[in-house]
Amino acid sequence: MHFVKRSACPKILEDNQEEWTKPWMAHYCKIPYQPAKKPASSHWLKNDIRLLLIEDFHKNCGHCGINITKSKNPDTKTHVDKGDVDHFLPKRRFPEKTYDWLNYIWSCKSCNQSKKETYPLLNPCSEEDCQQIVFIEDTGEYVLSDAVKNDKNWQLKFSNSEKTTLLNAQEIAQKRKFIINLLKGHFKSISNMMVIRDNPIIENEITKNLRYIKEYETSNLDFYFLIQIQYQKLIKEYPEVDNLLI
């Protein structure tokens, strides 16, 4: 999990937030003279809202980081994203946040459905939250930083995230580990080969590795934000490779 900065609130949401929120407040807060029936509205799925959220998250789940690909809708033959607009603060407990742009997380269905109404959790759109966890390259997992690992509040947030989302699911962690090691391997290979790059075969291998590295920046991959952070670390570690990339 890494920090995701949202765009400005979509105008359609800004203009209608108060009106759209009223039925949810009435349902969960039992405001007098308002219908008590649970609202059927899901305006957060409107394209002006959902598509901007998907773009902000680079199609990655905010909780586990996997890329949420598109599939064909058999009825309309159009491509639809398989992810969910997750209400980070659950609607039942925080109905006033039902149509709050800052409460939306783009999430894979597995994370959204398994977290249900769990609170508190680590928030991928909170810089403070994301600063408290550390990625471990050897395992592909996240752990609490030394600064807060004994703090009960952060322990609770981390534990809830770990238990109810795929944050540290074994399959996901192994996939992170593989991708990051692969990226690191390309940098290391180029650096080693540059010593003897006057060989045409070696030059070709360097070119191939450079192409692979550049694909990490342009492809719709899993763990987009993690890859960007690791990429920046690697170009500092291997400045000779960075010069070739430029």
Protein backbone atom coordinates (compact mmCIF):
# COMPACT_ATOMS: atom_id res chain seq x y z
CA MET A 1 0.00 0.00 0.00
CA HIS A 2 1.33 3.38 -1.04
CA PHE A 3 -0.03 6.89 -0.96
CA VAL A 4 -2.56 7.78 -3.65
CA LYS A 5 -3.37 11.43 -4.23
CA ARG A 6 -6.92 11.97 -5.42
CA SER A 7 -7.93 14.53 -8.01
CA ALA A 8 -10.25 17.38 -7.09
CA CYS A 9 -13.81 16.35 -6.29
CA PRO A 10 -15.86 15.80 -9.48
CA LYS A 11 -18.32 18.63 -10.08
CA ILE A 12 -21.32 16.32 -10.28
CA LEU A 13 -20.53 15.04 -6.80
CA GLU A 14 -19.78 18.48 -5.41
CA ASP A 15 -23.11 19.82 -6.74
CA ASN A 16 -25.24 16.93 -5.48
CA GLN A 17 -23.43 15.67 -2.40
CA GLU A 18 -25.80 17.18 0.16
CA GLU A 19 -28.98 16.04 -1.60
CA TRP A 20 -27.70 12.55 -2.34
CA THR A 21 -26.57 12.10 1.29
CA LYS A 22 -29.93 12.94 2.90
CA PRO A 23 -31.65 9.56 2.32
CA TRP A 24 -28.67 7.70 3.76
CA MET A 25 -28.63 9.91 6.83
CA ALA A 26 -32.37 9.36 7.20
CA HIS A 27 -31.99 5.60 6.95
CA TYR A 28 -29.11 5.16 9.34
CA CYS A 29 -29.66 8.09 11.67
CA LYS A 30 -33.48 7.91 11.77
CA ILE A 31 -33.94 11.59 11.05
CA PRO A 32 -37.66 12.47 11.55
CA TYR A 33 -39.88 13.00 8.51
CA GLN A 34 -37.46 11.24 6.17
CA PRO A 35 -38.02 7.81 4.63
CA ALA A 36 -36.48 5.08 6.76
CA LYS A 37 -36.09 2.62 3.89
CA LYS A 38 -32.53 1.98 2.81
CA PRO A 39 -31.78 4.05 -0.32
CA ALA A 40 -31.27 2.24 -3.59
CA SER A 41 -29.11 4.99 -5.08
CA SER A 42 -25.49 4.35 -5.99
CA HIS A 43 -24.49 7.60 -7.65
CA TRP A 44 -20.84 6.85 -6.83
CA LEU A 45 -20.93 4.53 -9.85
CA LYS A 46 -21.55 7.39 -12.26
CA ASN A 47 -18.75 7.59 -14.82
CA ASP A 48 -17.77 11.14 -13.83
CA ILE A 49 -16.96 9.80 -10.37
CA ARG A 50 -15.90 6.19 -10.87
CA LEU A 51 -13.66 6.68 -13.91
CA LEU A 52 -11.77 9.54 -12.26
CA LEU A 53 -11.19 7.37 -9.21
CA ILE A 54 -9.89 4.54 -11.39
CA GLU A 55 -7.50 6.96 -13.09
CA ASP A 56 -6.23 8.30 -9.75
CA PHE A 57 -5.47 4.76 -8.59
CA HIS A 58 -3.93 3.77 -11.94
CA LYS A 59 -6.40 0.85 -12.02
CA ASN A 60 -4.76 -0.64 -8.92
CA CYS A 61 -6.62 -1.75 -5.81
CA GLY A 62 -5.89 0.76 -3.08
CA HIS A 63 -5.59 -1.99 -0.46
CA CYS A 64 -3.54 -4.77 -2.07
CA GLY A 65 -2.22 -3.08 -5.23
CA ILE A 66 -3.31 -5.59 -7.88
CA ASN A 67 -4.32 -4.26 -11.28
CA ILE A 68 -8.08 -4.46 -11.78
CA THR A 69 -8.50 -5.46 -15.39
CA LYS A 70 -11.53 -5.06 -17.60
CA SER A 71 -13.92 -7.76 -18.76
CA LYS A 72 -16.67 -7.84 -21.34
CA ASN A 73 -20.24 -7.32 -20.17
CA PRO A 74 -22.13 -10.13 -21.99
CA ASP A 75 -25.29 -8.02 -22.16
CA THR A 76 -23.87 -4.81 -23.61
CA LYS A 77 -20.65 -6.17 -25.20
CA THR A 78 -18.82 -3.25 -23.60
CA HIS A 79 -15.78 -3.43 -21.34
CA VAL A 80 -16.40 -2.76 -17.67
CA ASP A 81 -13.97 -2.52 -14.76
CA LYS A 82 -14.32 -5.40 -12.32
CA GLY A 83 -13.40 -3.32 -9.28
CA ASP A 84 -15.53 -1.53 -6.69
CA VAL A 85 -15.85 2.01 -5.40
CA ASP A 86 -15.12 1.20 -1.78
CA HIS A 87 -16.44 3.43 1.01
CA PHE A 88 -13.40 3.54 3.27
CA LEU A 89 -15.57 4.69 6.17
CA PRO A 90 -18.54 2.27 6.05
CA LYS A 91 -21.91 3.78 5.09
CA ARG A 92 -23.67 2.17 8.04
CA ARG A 93 -21.33 3.73 10.58
CA PHE A 94 -20.62 6.97 8.73
CA PRO A 95 -23.68 7.72 6.56
CA GLU A 96 -22.63 11.36 6.30
CA LYS A 97 -19.60 10.14 4.28
CA THR A 98 -21.63 8.18 1.73
CA TYR A 99 -21.07 10.82 -0.93
CA ASP A 100 -17.79 12.23 0.32
CA TRP A 101 -15.20 12.10 -2.48
CA LEU A 102 -12.42 11.71 0.10
CA ASN A 103 -14.08 8.53 1.35
CA TYR A 104 -13.76 6.63 -1.92
CA ILE A 105 -11.10 4.00 -2.58
CA TRP A 106 -10.78 2.07 -5.84
CA SER A 107 -10.70 -1.53 -4.69
CA CYS A 108 -10.68 -5.05 -6.07
CA LYS A 109 -13.86 -6.94 -5.22
CA SER A 110 -12.00 -9.35 -2.95
CA CYS A 111 -10.66 -6.60 -0.68
CA ASN A 112 -13.90 -4.62 -0.67
CA GLN A 113 -16.10 -7.61 0.11
CA SER A 114 -13.81 -9.08 2.76
CA LYS A 115 -13.26 -5.81 4.64
CA LYS A 116 -17.03 -5.21 4.87
CA GLU A 117 -17.54 -2.64 7.63
CA THR A 118 -14.18 -3.06 9.35
CA TYR A 119 -12.80 0.11 10.91
CA PRO A 120 -10.18 1.47 11.47
CA LEU A 121 -7.96 0.46 8.57
CA LEU A 122 -4.88 1.86 6.88
CA ASN A 123 -5.99 4.43 4.33
CA PRO A 124 -4.08 4.49 1.02
CA CYS A 125 -5.11 8.14 0.57
CA SER A 126 -3.58 9.18 3.88
CA GLU A 127 0.09 10.15 3.69
CA GLU A 128 0.41 9.63 7.43
CA ASP A 129 -0.93 6.07 7.23
CA CYS A 130 1.30 5.13 4.31
CA GLN A 131 4.38 6.50 6.04
CA GLN A 132 3.88 4.03 8.90
CA ILE A 133 4.36 0.90 6.81
CA VAL A 134 7.50 -0.46 5.18
CA PHE A 135 7.80 -2.75 2.17
CA ILE A 136 10.06 -5.78 2.67
CA GLU A 137 11.68 -6.85 -0.61
CA ASP A 138 12.62 -10.33 0.65
CA THR A 139 9.00 -11.27 1.39
CA GLY A 140 6.88 -8.86 -0.66
CA GLU A 141 4.99 -7.97 2.50
CA TYR A 142 4.38 -4.77 4.43
CA VAL A 143 5.20 -4.30 8.11
CA LEU A 144 4.76 -1.46 10.54
CA SER A 145 7.75 0.87 10.74
CA ASP A 146 9.95 0.69 13.83
CA ALA A 147 8.69 4.12 14.88
CA VAL A 148 5.11 2.89 15.46
CA LYS A 149 5.32 -0.90 15.73
CA ASN A 150 4.59 -0.73 19.47
CA ASP A 151 1.80 1.82 19.17
CA LYS A 152 -1.58 0.17 19.86
CA ASN A 153 -3.53 2.45 17.52
CA TRP A 154 -1.26 1.69 14.56
CA GLN A 155 -1.16 -1.98 15.52
CA LEU A 156 -4.96 -2.08 15.33
CA LYS A 157 -5.10 -0.34 11.94
CA PHE A 158 -2.42 -2.59 10.50
CA SER A 159 -3.93 -5.75 11.97
CA ASN A 160 -7.38 -4.93 10.60
CA SER A 161 -5.95 -4.22 7.15
CA GLU A 162 -3.90 -7.41 7.17
CA LYS A 163 -6.80 -9.58 8.33
CA THR A 164 -9.61 -8.19 6.21
CA THR A 165 -7.91 -7.24 2.93
CA LEU A 166 -5.32 -8.88 0.69
CA LEU A 167 -2.62 -6.47 1.89
CA ASN A 168 -0.26 -9.30 2.89
CA ALA A 169 -1.99 -12.28 1.30
CA GLN A 170 0.68 -14.85 0.42
CA GLU A 171 -0.10 -14.98 -3.30
CA ILE A 172 -0.12 -11.17 -3.57
CA ALA A 173 3.09 -10.81 -1.54
CA GLN A 174 4.87 -13.37 -3.72
CA LYS A 175 3.75 -11.54 -6.84
CA ARG A 176 5.11 -8.23 -5.44
CA LYS A 177 8.40 -9.91 -4.58
CA PHE A 178 8.72 -11.39 -8.06
CA ILE A 179 7.97 -8.14 -9.91
CA ILE A 180 10.31 -6.02 -7.80
CA ASN A 181 13.12 -8.58 -8.02
CA LEU A 182 12.62 -8.72 -11.78
CA LEU A 183 12.87 -4.94 -12.08
CA LYS A 184 15.96 -4.92 -9.89
CA GLY A 185 17.45 -7.73 -11.97
CA HIS A 186 17.15 -5.68 -15.17
CA PHE A 187 19.05 -2.78 -13.59
CA LYS A 188 21.74 -5.07 -12.21
CA SER A 189 22.14 -6.94 -15.52
CA ILE A 190 22.61 -3.73 -17.48
CA SER A 191 25.13 -2.43 -14.96
CA ASN A 192 27.16 -5.66 -15.19
CA MET A 193 27.04 -5.80 -18.99
CA MET A 194 28.11 -2.18 -19.48
CA VAL A 195 31.68 -3.21 -18.69
CA ILE A 196 31.83 -5.21 -21.93
CA ARG A 197 29.17 -3.45 -24.00
CA ASP A 198 31.37 -3.20 -27.11
CA ASN A 199 30.17 -6.74 -27.94
CA PRO A 200 27.13 -6.57 -30.34
CA ILE A 201 25.39 -9.41 -28.52
CA ILE A 202 25.85 -7.68 -25.17
CA GLU A 203 24.66 -4.38 -26.65
CA ASN A 204 21.50 -6.11 -27.81
CA GLU A 205 20.92 -7.57 -24.35
CA ILE A 206 21.33 -4.14 -22.78
CA THR A 207 18.78 -2.72 -25.21
CA LYS A 208 16.31 -5.50 -24.33
CA ASN A 209 16.70 -4.89 -20.62
CA LEU A 210 16.22 -1.15 -21.08
CA ARG A 211 13.03 -1.83 -22.99
CA TYR A 212 11.74 -4.06 -20.19
CA ILE A 213 12.45 -1.34 -17.62
CA LYS A 214 10.61 1.29 -19.67
CA GLU A 215 7.58 -1.00 -19.91
CA TYR A 216 7.24 -0.80 -16.15
CA GLU A 217 6.47 2.91 -16.52
CA THR A 218 3.96 2.58 -19.33
CA SER A 219 2.18 -0.76 -18.89
CA ASN A 220 -0.94 -1.25 -16.79
CA LEU A 221 0.83 -3.36 -14.20
CA ASP A 222 0.02 -4.53 -10.71
CA PHE A 223 1.52 -2.48 -7.87
CA TYR A 224 1.95 0.71 -9.90
CA PHE A 225 2.82 2.92 -6.92
CA LEU A 226 5.24 0.40 -5.40
CA ILE A 227 7.03 0.06 -8.75
CA GLN A 228 7.41 3.83 -9.10
CA ILE A 229 9.01 4.08 -5.65
CA GLN A 230 11.35 1.15 -6.29
CA TYR A 231 12.21 2.57 -9.71
CA GLN A 232 13.35 5.84 -8.16
CA LYS A 233 15.51 3.93 -5.67
CA LEU A 234 17.12 1.89 -8.43
CA ILE A 235 18.06 4.84 -10.65
CA LYS A 236 19.87 6.32 -7.66
CA GLU A 237 21.61 3.02 -6.97
CA TYR A 238 22.52 2.54 -10.65
CA PRO A 239 23.17 6.03 -12.09
CA GLU A 240 24.90 4.51 -15.12
CA VAL A 241 21.63 2.79 -16.05
CA ASP A 242 19.69 5.98 -15.43
CA ASN A 243 21.90 7.76 -18.00
CA LEU A 244 20.95 5.16 -20.60
CA LEU A 245 17.27 5.44 -19.77
CA ILE A 246 17.41 9.20 -20.25
